[in-house]
Amino acid sequence: KTTDVHLVRSDEAVAIRPMTLEEAIKEAHFRDRDVFVFRDKKGKVMILHRTRDGKMELIEAP
């Protein structure tokens, strides 16, 4: 149920400036985030997600 979910807002998982994929991976590791949202150098929104096995998954927003 949605009413049972506890939401916490965080800006720690969002990059302010555009960055390369390599920079975003380093930043996600540095910030110790399982999800990290950033814009690439062309301005496209990208999402990095650390899976349970520790691999980084890249999701490209449409």
PDB file of N, CA and C in Angstrom:
ATOM      1  N   LYS A   1       0.830  -1.193   0.000  1.00  0.00           N
ATOM      2  CA  LYS A   1       0.000   0.000   0.000  1.00  0.00           C
ATOM      3  C   LYS A   1       0.871   1.252   0.000  1.00  0.00           C
ATOM      4  N   THR A   2       0.450   2.242  -0.714  1.00  0.00           N
ATOM      5  CA  THR A   2       1.179   3.502  -0.759  1.00  0.00           C
ATOM      6  C   THR A   2       1.189   4.181   0.601  1.00  0.00           C
ATOM      7  N   THR A   3       0.138   4.029   1.359  1.00  0.00           N
ATOM      8  CA  THR A   3       0.067   4.685   2.663  1.00  0.00           C
ATOM      9  C   THR A   3       1.059   4.103   3.663  1.00  0.00           C
ATOM     10  N   ASP A   4       1.585   2.906   3.404  1.00  0.00           N
ATOM     11  CA  ASP A   4       2.542   2.280   4.306  1.00  0.00           C
ATOM     12  C   ASP A   4       3.992   2.631   3.971  1.00  0.00           C
ATOM     13  N   VAL A   5       4.210   3.361   2.898  1.00  0.00           N
ATOM     14  CA  VAL A   5       5.558   3.691   2.451  1.00  0.00           C
ATOM     15  C   VAL A   5       6.034   4.958   3.155  1.00  0.00           C
ATOM     16  N   HIS A   6       7.262   4.917   3.643  1.00  0.00           N
ATOM     17  CA  HIS A   6       7.877   6.088   4.273  1.00  0.00           C
ATOM     18  C   HIS A   6       8.806   6.741   3.249  1.00  0.00           C
ATOM     19  N   LEU A   7       8.505   7.954   2.841  1.00  0.00           N
ATOM     20  CA  LEU A   7       9.296   8.653   1.828  1.00  0.00           C
ATOM     21  C   LEU A   7      10.226   9.658   2.481  1.00  0.00           C
ATOM     22  N   VAL A   8      11.451   9.714   1.979  1.00  0.00           N
ATOM     23  CA  VAL A   8      12.429  10.683   2.434  1.00  0.00           C
ATOM     24  C   VAL A   8      12.984  11.369   1.195  1.00  0.00           C
ATOM     25  N   ARG A   9      12.943  12.675   1.175  1.00  0.00           N
ATOM     26  CA  ARG A   9      13.489  13.417   0.026  1.00  0.00           C
ATOM     27  C   ARG A   9      14.997  13.572   0.197  1.00  0.00           C
ATOM     28  N   SER A  10      15.708  13.422  -0.919  1.00  0.00           N
ATOM     29  CA  SER A  10      17.160  13.527  -0.868  1.00  0.00           C
ATOM     30  C   SER A  10      17.678  14.135  -2.161  1.00  0.00           C
ATOM     31  N   ASP A  11      18.579  15.089  -2.017  1.00  0.00           N
ATOM     32  CA  ASP A  11      19.234  15.643  -3.204  1.00  0.00           C
ATOM     33  C   ASP A  11      20.640  15.066  -3.355  1.00  0.00           C
ATOM     34  N   GLU A  12      21.018  14.163  -2.468  1.00  0.00           N
ATOM     35  CA  GLU A  12      22.346  13.552  -2.522  1.00  0.00           C
ATOM     36  C   GLU A  12      22.493  12.567  -3.674  1.00  0.00           C
ATOM     37  N   ALA A  13      21.390  12.149  -4.264  1.00  0.00           N
ATOM     38  CA  ALA A  13      21.437  11.160  -5.342  1.00  0.00           C
ATOM     39  C   ALA A  13      21.296  11.806  -6.715  1.00  0.00           C
ATOM     40  N   VAL A  14      21.403  13.141  -6.766  1.00  0.00           N
ATOM     41  CA  VAL A  14      21.227  13.859  -8.028  1.00  0.00           C
ATOM     42  C   VAL A  14      22.432  14.766  -8.258  1.00  0.00           C
ATOM     43  N   ALA A  15      23.019  14.668  -9.440  1.00  0.00           N
ATOM     44  CA  ALA A  15      24.156  15.519  -9.797  1.00  0.00           C
ATOM     45  C   ALA A  15      23.656  16.872 -10.283  1.00  0.00           C
ATOM     46  N   ILE A  16      24.350  17.907  -9.908  1.00  0.00           N
ATOM     47  CA  ILE A  16      23.995  19.263 -10.326  1.00  0.00           C
ATOM     48  C   ILE A  16      24.510  19.558 -11.735  1.00  0.00           C
ATOM     49  N   ARG A  17      25.734  19.144 -12.016  1.00  0.00           N
ATOM     50  CA  ARG A  17      26.352  19.462 -13.313  1.00  0.00           C
ATOM     51  C   ARG A  17      26.366  18.236 -14.222  1.00  0.00           C
ATOM     52  N   PRO A  18      26.387  18.446 -15.527  1.00  0.00           N
ATOM     53  CA  PRO A  18      26.506  17.322 -16.462  1.00  0.00           C
ATOM     54  C   PRO A  18      27.839  16.606 -16.254  1.00  0.00           C
ATOM     55  N   MET A  19      27.855  15.302 -16.507  1.00  0.00           N
ATOM     56  CA  MET A  19      29.084  14.528 -16.333  1.00  0.00           C
ATOM     57  C   MET A  19      29.096  13.319 -17.246  1.00  0.00           C
ATOM     58  N   THR A  20      30.274  12.762 -17.407  1.00  0.00           N
ATOM     59  CA  THR A  20      30.415  11.539 -18.194  1.00  0.00           C
ATOM     60  C   THR A  20      29.936  10.354 -17.355  1.00  0.00           C
ATOM     61  N   LEU A  21      29.750   9.226 -18.006  1.00  0.00           N
ATOM     62  CA  LEU A  21      29.349   8.015 -17.299  1.00  0.00           C
ATOM     63  C   LEU A  21      30.403   7.627 -16.257  1.00  0.00           C
ATOM     64  N   GLU A  22      31.664   7.722 -16.625  1.00  0.00           N
ATOM     65  CA  GLU A  22      32.740   7.370 -15.697  1.00  0.00           C
ATOM     66  C   GLU A  22      32.714   8.266 -14.466  1.00  0.00           C
ATOM     67  N   GLU A  23      32.509   9.581 -14.670  1.00  0.00           N
ATOM     68  CA  GLU A  23      32.420  10.512 -13.540  1.00  0.00           C
ATOM     69  C   GLU A  23      31.224  10.183 -12.653  1.00  0.00           C
ATOM     70  N   ALA A  24      30.103   9.839 -13.272  1.00  0.00           N
ATOM     71  CA  ALA A  24      28.889   9.522 -12.517  1.00  0.00           C
ATOM     72  C   ALA A  24      29.073   8.261 -11.678  1.00  0.00           C
ATOM     73  N   ILE A  25      29.731   7.255 -12.234  1.00  0.00           N
ATOM     74  CA  ILE A  25      29.992   6.023 -11.477  1.00  0.00           C
ATOM     75  C   ILE A  25      30.869   6.331 -10.265  1.00  0.00           C
ATOM     76  N   LYS A  26      31.924   7.110 -10.470  1.00  0.00           N
ATOM     77  CA  LYS A  26      32.798   7.492  -9.353  1.00  0.00           C
ATOM     78  C   LYS A  26      32.028   8.281  -8.302  1.00  0.00           C
ATOM     79  N   GLU A  27      31.188   9.197  -8.746  1.00  0.00           N
ATOM     80  CA  GLU A  27      30.402  10.026  -7.826  1.00  0.00           C
ATOM     81  C   GLU A  27      29.400   9.180  -7.045  1.00  0.00           C
ATOM     82  N   ALA A  28      28.754   8.233  -7.699  1.00  0.00           N
ATOM     83  CA  ALA A  28      27.808   7.343  -7.016  1.00  0.00           C
ATOM     84  C   ALA A  28      28.525   6.523  -5.949  1.00  0.00           C
ATOM     85  N   HIS A  29      29.721   6.037  -6.266  1.00  0.00           N
ATOM     86  CA  HIS A  29      30.512   5.288  -5.281  1.00  0.00           C
ATOM     87  C   HIS A  29      30.934   6.200  -4.132  1.00  0.00           C
ATOM     88  N   PHE A  30      31.405   7.403  -4.459  1.00  0.00           N
ATOM     89  CA  PHE A  30      31.856   8.354  -3.440  1.00  0.00           C
ATOM     90  C   PHE A  30      30.719   8.724  -2.487  1.00  0.00           C
ATOM     91  N   ARG A  31      29.523   8.948  -3.050  1.00  0.00           N
ATOM     92  CA  ARG A  31      28.361   9.316  -2.227  1.00  0.00           C
ATOM     93  C   ARG A  31      27.694   8.098  -1.589  1.00  0.00           C
ATOM     94  N   ASP A  32      28.159   6.901  -1.934  1.00  0.00           N
ATOM     95  CA  ASP A  32      27.610   5.641  -1.421  1.00  0.00           C
ATOM     96  C   ASP A  32      26.109   5.546  -1.697  1.00  0.00           C
ATOM     97  N   ARG A  33      25.739   5.769  -2.963  1.00  0.00           N
ATOM     98  CA  ARG A  33      24.335   5.751  -3.373  1.00  0.00           C
ATOM     99  C   ARG A  33      24.060   4.530  -4.239  1.00  0.00           C
ATOM    100  N   ASP A  34      22.907   3.899  -4.022  1.00  0.00           N
ATOM    101  CA  ASP A  34      22.476   2.777  -4.863  1.00  0.00           C
ATOM    102  C   ASP A  34      21.774   3.266  -6.121  1.00  0.00           C
ATOM    103  N   VAL A  35      21.263   4.497  -6.070  1.00  0.00           N
ATOM    104  CA  VAL A  35      20.631   5.130  -7.231  1.00  0.00           C
ATOM    105  C   VAL A  35      21.249   6.513  -7.374  1.00  0.00           C
ATOM    106  N   PHE A  36      21.648   6.856  -8.600  1.00  0.00           N
ATOM    107  CA  PHE A  36      22.261   8.157  -8.857  1.00  0.00           C
ATOM    108  C   PHE A  36      21.745   8.683 -10.189  1.00  0.00           C
ATOM    109  N   VAL A  37      21.199   9.894 -10.179  1.00  0.00           N
ATOM    110  CA  VAL A  37      20.624  10.517 -11.375  1.00  0.00           C
ATOM    111  C   VAL A  37      21.553  11.634 -11.832  1.00  0.00           C
ATOM    112  N   PHE A  38      21.830  11.661 -13.133  1.00  0.00           N
ATOM    113  CA  PHE A  38      22.701  12.700 -13.679  1.00  0.00           C
ATOM    114  C   PHE A  38      22.326  12.980 -15.127  1.00  0.00           C
ATOM    115  N   ARG A  39      22.861  14.073 -15.644  1.00  0.00           N
ATOM    116  CA  ARG A  39      22.722  14.401 -17.068  1.00  0.00           C
ATOM    117  C   ARG A  39      24.075  14.162 -17.719  1.00  0.00           C
ATOM    118  N   ASP A  40      24.039  13.561 -18.913  1.00  0.00           N
ATOM    119  CA  ASP A  40      25.299  13.381 -19.625  1.00  0.00           C
ATOM    120  C   ASP A  40      25.693  14.708 -20.268  1.00  0.00           C
ATOM    121  N   LYS A  41      26.804  14.717 -20.963  1.00  0.00           N
ATOM    122  CA  LYS A  41      27.316  15.958 -21.562  1.00  0.00           C
ATOM    123  C   LYS A  41      26.378  16.544 -22.621  1.00  0.00           C
ATOM    124  N   LYS A  42      25.464  15.713 -23.171  1.00  0.00           N
ATOM    125  CA  LYS A  42      24.494  16.188 -24.158  1.00  0.00           C
ATOM    126  C   LYS A  42      23.193  16.635 -23.498  1.00  0.00           C
ATOM    127  N   GLY A  43      23.093  16.489 -22.163  1.00  0.00           N
ATOM    128  CA  GLY A  43      21.903  16.919 -21.438  1.00  0.00           C
ATOM    129  C   GLY A  43      20.863  15.836 -21.219  1.00  0.00           C
ATOM    130  N   LYS A  44      21.151  14.610 -21.643  1.00  0.00           N
ATOM    131  CA  LYS A  44      20.202  13.509 -21.484  1.00  0.00           C
ATOM    132  C   LYS A  44      20.220  12.989 -20.046  1.00  0.00           C
ATOM    133  N   VAL A  45      19.029  12.729 -19.489  1.00  0.00           N
ATOM    134  CA  VAL A  45      18.916  12.223 -18.121  1.00  0.00           C
ATOM    135  C   VAL A  45      19.261  10.738 -18.092  1.00  0.00           C
ATOM    136  N   MET A  46      20.153  10.375 -17.184  1.00  0.00           N
ATOM    137  CA  MET A  46      20.615   9.000 -17.024  1.00  0.00           C
ATOM    138  C   MET A  46      20.478   8.617 -15.551  1.00  0.00           C
ATOM    139  N   ILE A  47      20.208   7.351 -15.300  1.00  0.00           N
ATOM    140  CA  ILE A  47      20.075   6.854 -13.935  1.00  0.00           C
ATOM    141  C   ILE A  47      20.999   5.660 -13.765  1.00  0.00           C
ATOM    142  N   LEU A  48      21.833   5.722 -12.745  1.00  0.00           N
ATOM    143  CA  LEU A  48      22.662   4.581 -12.375  1.00  0.00           C
ATOM    144  C   LEU A  48      21.990   3.879 -11.209  1.00  0.00           C
ATOM    145  N   HIS A  49      21.936   2.568 -11.279  1.00  0.00           N
ATOM    146  CA  HIS A  49      21.317   1.778 -10.214  1.00  0.00           C
ATOM    147  C   HIS A  49      22.258   0.638  -9.850  1.00  0.00           C
ATOM    148  N   ARG A  50      22.632   0.561  -8.573  1.00  0.00           N
ATOM    149  CA  ARG A  50      23.478  -0.545  -8.120  1.00  0.00           C
ATOM    150  C   ARG A  50      22.580  -1.733  -7.793  1.00  0.00           C
ATOM    151  N   THR A  51      22.801  -2.851  -8.468  1.00  0.00           N
ATOM    152  CA  THR A  51      21.983  -4.044  -8.258  1.00  0.00           C
ATOM    153  C   THR A  51      22.436  -4.769  -6.990  1.00  0.00           C
ATOM    154  N   ARG A  52      21.667  -5.751  -6.572  1.00  0.00           N
ATOM    155  CA  ARG A  52      21.982  -6.488  -5.339  1.00  0.00           C
ATOM    156  C   ARG A  52      23.337  -7.177  -5.389  1.00  0.00           C
ATOM    157  N   ASP A  53      23.763  -7.543  -6.605  1.00  0.00           N
ATOM    158  CA  ASP A  53      25.069  -8.208  -6.729  1.00  0.00           C
ATOM    159  C   ASP A  53      26.220  -7.210  -6.872  1.00  0.00           C
ATOM    160  N   GLY A  54      25.926  -5.904  -6.739  1.00  0.00           N
ATOM    161  CA  GLY A  54      26.955  -4.877  -6.749  1.00  0.00           C
ATOM    162  C   GLY A  54      27.268  -4.287  -8.104  1.00  0.00           C
ATOM    163  N   LYS A  55      26.649  -4.796  -9.160  1.00  0.00           N
ATOM    164  CA  LYS A  55      26.882  -4.261 -10.501  1.00  0.00           C
ATOM    165  C   LYS A  55      26.104  -2.959 -10.679  1.00  0.00           C
ATOM    166  N   MET A  56      26.625  -2.089 -11.556  1.00  0.00           N
ATOM    167  CA  MET A  56      25.942  -0.833 -11.854  1.00  0.00           C
ATOM    168  C   MET A  56      25.132  -1.003 -13.133  1.00  0.00           C
ATOM    169  N   GLU A  57      23.859  -0.668 -13.065  1.00  0.00           N
ATOM    170  CA  GLU A  57      22.942  -0.744 -14.200  1.00  0.00           C
ATOM    171  C   GLU A  57      22.694   0.685 -14.673  1.00  0.00           C
ATOM    172  N   LEU A  58      22.759   0.918 -15.972  1.00  0.00           N
ATOM    173  CA  LEU A  58      22.508   2.239 -16.542  1.00  0.00           C
ATOM    174  C   LEU A  58      21.130   2.262 -17.179  1.00  0.00           C
ATOM    175  N   ILE A  59      20.324   3.234 -16.764  1.00  0.00           N
ATOM    176  CA  ILE A  59      18.985   3.418 -17.320  1.00  0.00           C
ATOM    177  C   ILE A  59      18.974   4.770 -18.014  1.00  0.00           C
ATOM    178  N   GLU A  60      18.597   4.777 -19.289  1.00  0.00           N
ATOM    179  CA  GLU A  60      18.510   6.018 -20.053  1.00  0.00           C
ATOM    180  C   GLU A  60      17.060   6.464 -20.095  1.00  0.00           C
ATOM    181  N   ALA A  61      16.790   7.657 -19.562  1.00  0.00           N
ATOM    182  CA  ALA A  61      15.425   8.179 -19.577  1.00  0.00           C
ATOM    183  C   ALA A  61      15.066   8.593 -21.003  1.00  0.00           C
ATOM    184  N   PRO A  62      13.804   8.376 -21.394  1.00  0.00           N
ATOM    185  CA  PRO A  62      13.396   8.745 -22.764  1.00  0.00           C
ATOM    186  C   PRO A  62      13.365  10.250 -22.959  1.00  0.00           C
TER     187      PRO A  62
END
